[in-house]
Amino acid sequence: ELKLAELTGDKNTVRRARKIQRLTKFVRQAIAEQEWPDAVDTIDELLELKPDSYRLTLEKYRILATELKDDEAAEEFGRDFIEDCEQAAMLNEFAWSILTDDDYAKARDIELALAGAEKAMELCEEKNAAIVDTYARALADSGDLEDAIHWQEEAVKLSRDRSLPFRR
């Protein structure tokens, strides 16, 4: 983005791209030095410039939940993300990460993962095998085994239909 902006002479885009580079470098440094509040503050600045950055969103949630161990802030941020997000794949990845990533072993918010998986299901109209699979996992982890089995069977059926997407 920076090179293209420099070539075209778009000064505003050059300034924006340079700011993103500087902030990204600062986030990496803050994470490496385990300066979690600084990392979160800088991620917030980056999200103002790149509001659709899923990687930044997931990293902020991870830091709040696992490093700062701020359950309330993590849940609020996660719920806001779920409410605002209209991309089923992003919601699915968010839910799957919470359900399965080792980082969340001591900070696993099953209710939040289930909420993300439910919205992803709505957005894909229950036609994406990976999303249905995530939803089944969230149901199982929340203790609803009967519904989990039903939805896992649906995920298997959908995965056999080559005309439908299967991506995690």
Protein backbone atom coordinates (compact mmCIF):
# COMPACT_ATOMS: atom_id res chain seq x y z
CA GLU A 1 0.00 0.00 0.00
CA LEU A 2 2.83 2.38 0.89
CA LYS A 3 4.77 1.76 -2.34
CA LEU A 4 1.67 2.25 -4.48
CA ALA A 5 0.75 5.44 -2.64
CA GLU A 6 4.30 6.77 -3.07
CA LEU A 7 4.24 5.99 -6.79
CA THR A 8 0.90 7.71 -7.29
CA GLY A 9 1.78 10.66 -5.06
CA ASP A 10 -1.19 10.13 -2.75
CA LYS A 11 0.14 11.93 0.33
CA ASN A 12 -2.78 11.02 2.59
CA THR A 13 -2.43 7.33 1.82
CA VAL A 14 1.34 7.56 2.31
CA ARG A 15 0.82 9.11 5.76
CA ARG A 16 -1.78 6.49 6.66
CA ALA A 17 0.40 3.60 5.45
CA ARG A 18 3.43 4.90 7.33
CA LYS A 19 1.36 5.27 10.48
CA ILE A 20 0.11 1.69 10.10
CA GLN A 21 3.69 0.47 9.66
CA ARG A 22 4.87 2.38 12.73
CA LEU A 23 1.98 1.16 14.89
CA THR A 24 2.38 -2.43 13.68
CA LYS A 25 6.05 -2.37 14.62
CA PHE A 26 5.14 -0.97 18.04
CA VAL A 27 2.52 -3.71 18.61
CA ARG A 28 5.04 -6.42 17.74
CA GLN A 29 7.55 -4.87 20.12
CA ALA A 30 4.99 -4.50 22.92
CA ILE A 31 3.96 -8.14 22.52
CA ALA A 32 7.57 -9.32 22.46
CA GLU A 33 8.23 -7.36 25.66
CA GLN A 34 4.91 -8.48 27.18
CA GLU A 35 3.74 -4.89 27.56
CA TRP A 36 0.12 -5.94 27.25
CA PRO A 37 -1.65 -2.62 27.99
CA ASP A 38 0.54 -0.87 25.41
CA ALA A 39 -0.18 -3.61 22.89
CA VAL A 40 -3.95 -3.29 23.42
CA ASP A 41 -3.86 0.52 23.16
CA THR A 42 -1.88 0.34 19.93
CA ILE A 43 -4.14 -2.34 18.50
CA ASP A 44 -7.05 0.02 19.19
CA GLU A 45 -5.27 2.72 17.16
CA LEU A 46 -4.66 0.26 14.34
CA LEU A 47 -8.28 -0.90 14.39
CA GLU A 48 -9.34 2.72 13.81
CA LEU A 49 -7.24 2.67 10.64
CA LYS A 50 -8.06 -0.93 9.69
CA PRO A 51 -11.46 -1.74 11.26
CA ASP A 52 -11.88 -4.98 9.29
CA SER A 53 -8.58 -6.48 10.39
CA TYR A 54 -9.53 -9.85 11.78
CA ARG A 55 -5.98 -10.61 12.92
CA LEU A 56 -5.91 -7.47 15.06
CA THR A 57 -9.34 -8.23 16.49
CA LEU A 58 -8.37 -11.77 17.44
CA GLU A 59 -5.04 -10.62 18.89
CA LYS A 60 -6.74 -7.98 21.05
CA TYR A 61 -9.24 -10.51 22.34
CA ARG A 62 -6.44 -13.00 23.06
CA ILE A 63 -4.43 -10.43 25.01
CA LEU A 64 -7.44 -9.32 27.04
CA ALA A 65 -8.52 -12.89 27.82
CA THR A 66 -5.22 -14.70 28.30
CA GLU A 67 -2.50 -12.18 29.10
CA LEU A 68 -4.33 -9.46 31.01
CA LYS A 69 -6.88 -11.99 32.27
CA ASP A 70 -9.55 -9.30 32.11
CA ASP A 71 -12.62 -11.47 31.64
CA GLU A 72 -15.02 -8.54 31.64
CA ALA A 73 -13.13 -6.52 29.02
CA ALA A 74 -12.55 -9.61 26.89
CA GLU A 75 -16.23 -10.55 26.97
CA GLU A 76 -17.36 -7.00 26.18
CA PHE A 77 -14.91 -6.73 23.29
CA GLY A 78 -15.89 -10.18 22.02
CA ARG A 79 -19.62 -9.44 22.21
CA ASP A 80 -19.13 -6.13 20.39
CA PHE A 81 -17.15 -7.94 17.70
CA ILE A 82 -19.87 -10.56 17.27
CA GLU A 83 -22.59 -7.92 17.12
CA ASP A 84 -20.76 -5.78 14.55
CA CYS A 85 -19.27 -8.53 12.37
CA GLU A 86 -21.21 -9.59 9.29
CA GLN A 87 -18.64 -12.06 7.96
CA ALA A 88 -19.45 -15.66 8.77
CA ALA A 89 -15.89 -16.87 8.18
CA MET A 90 -14.45 -14.36 10.65
CA LEU A 91 -17.00 -15.26 13.29
CA ASN A 92 -16.34 -18.94 12.71
CA GLU A 93 -12.59 -18.50 13.14
CA PHE A 94 -13.14 -16.44 16.28
CA ALA A 95 -15.37 -19.13 17.80
CA TRP A 96 -13.11 -21.99 16.71
CA SER A 97 -10.06 -20.27 18.19
CA ILE A 98 -11.76 -19.82 21.55
CA LEU A 99 -12.93 -23.44 21.53
CA THR A 100 -9.70 -25.10 20.46
CA ASP A 101 -6.58 -22.94 20.78
CA ASP A 102 -4.30 -23.84 23.65
CA ASP A 103 -3.90 -20.12 24.42
CA TYR A 104 -7.46 -20.14 25.74
CA ALA A 105 -7.12 -23.24 27.93
CA LYS A 106 -7.50 -21.20 31.12
CA ALA A 107 -9.68 -18.47 29.62
CA ARG A 108 -12.10 -20.41 27.43
CA ASP A 109 -15.40 -18.54 27.15
CA ILE A 110 -17.74 -21.20 25.79
CA GLU A 111 -20.78 -18.90 25.87
CA LEU A 112 -18.99 -16.30 23.78
CA ALA A 113 -17.78 -18.94 21.31
CA LEU A 114 -21.32 -20.29 21.07
CA ALA A 115 -22.67 -16.78 20.39
CA GLY A 116 -20.12 -16.29 17.61
CA ALA A 117 -20.88 -19.69 16.12
CA GLU A 118 -24.64 -19.03 16.25
CA LYS A 119 -24.28 -15.76 14.34
CA ALA A 120 -21.99 -17.43 11.80
CA MET A 121 -24.69 -20.08 11.33
CA GLU A 122 -27.28 -17.39 10.66
CA LEU A 123 -25.03 -15.63 8.17
CA CYS A 124 -24.20 -18.79 6.21
CA GLU A 125 -27.80 -20.00 6.44
CA GLU A 126 -26.53 -23.28 7.92
CA LYS A 127 -24.92 -24.24 4.60
CA ASN A 128 -21.19 -24.13 5.38
CA ALA A 129 -19.87 -27.41 6.76
CA ALA A 130 -16.98 -25.82 8.68
CA ILE A 131 -19.30 -23.35 10.37
CA VAL A 132 -21.84 -26.04 11.22
CA ASP A 133 -18.96 -28.12 12.61
CA THR A 134 -17.84 -25.22 14.82
CA TYR A 135 -21.40 -24.73 16.03
CA ALA A 136 -21.65 -28.45 16.88
CA ARG A 137 -18.38 -28.20 18.82
CA ALA A 138 -19.63 -25.15 20.73
CA LEU A 139 -22.84 -26.96 21.60
CA ALA A 140 -20.90 -30.02 22.79
CA ASP A 141 -18.54 -27.92 24.88
CA SER A 142 -21.52 -26.12 26.42
CA GLY A 143 -23.06 -29.47 27.43
CA ASP A 144 -25.82 -29.70 24.82
CA LEU A 145 -24.80 -33.08 23.42
CA GLU A 146 -28.10 -33.92 21.73
CA ASP A 147 -28.07 -30.79 19.56
CA ALA A 148 -24.30 -31.13 19.07
CA ILE A 149 -24.76 -34.59 17.58
CA HIS A 150 -27.54 -33.36 15.31
CA TRP A 151 -25.44 -30.48 13.98
CA GLN A 152 -22.32 -32.59 13.61
CA GLU A 153 -24.31 -35.00 11.46
CA GLU A 154 -25.46 -32.01 9.39
CA ALA A 155 -21.85 -30.87 9.03
CA VAL A 156 -20.89 -34.31 7.71
CA LYS A 157 -23.75 -34.20 5.18
CA LEU A 158 -22.74 -30.72 4.05
CA SER A 159 -19.10 -31.72 3.73
CA ARG A 160 -20.11 -34.41 1.24
CA ASP A 161 -21.85 -31.84 -0.94
CA ARG A 162 -19.01 -30.53 -3.13
CA SER A 163 -21.13 -27.59 -4.31
CA LEU A 164 -21.02 -26.03 -0.83
CA PRO A 165 -18.00 -24.41 0.82
CA PHE A 166 -15.99 -26.14 3.53
CA ARG A 167 -13.42 -23.77 5.00
CA ARG A 168 -12.30 -23.17 8.51
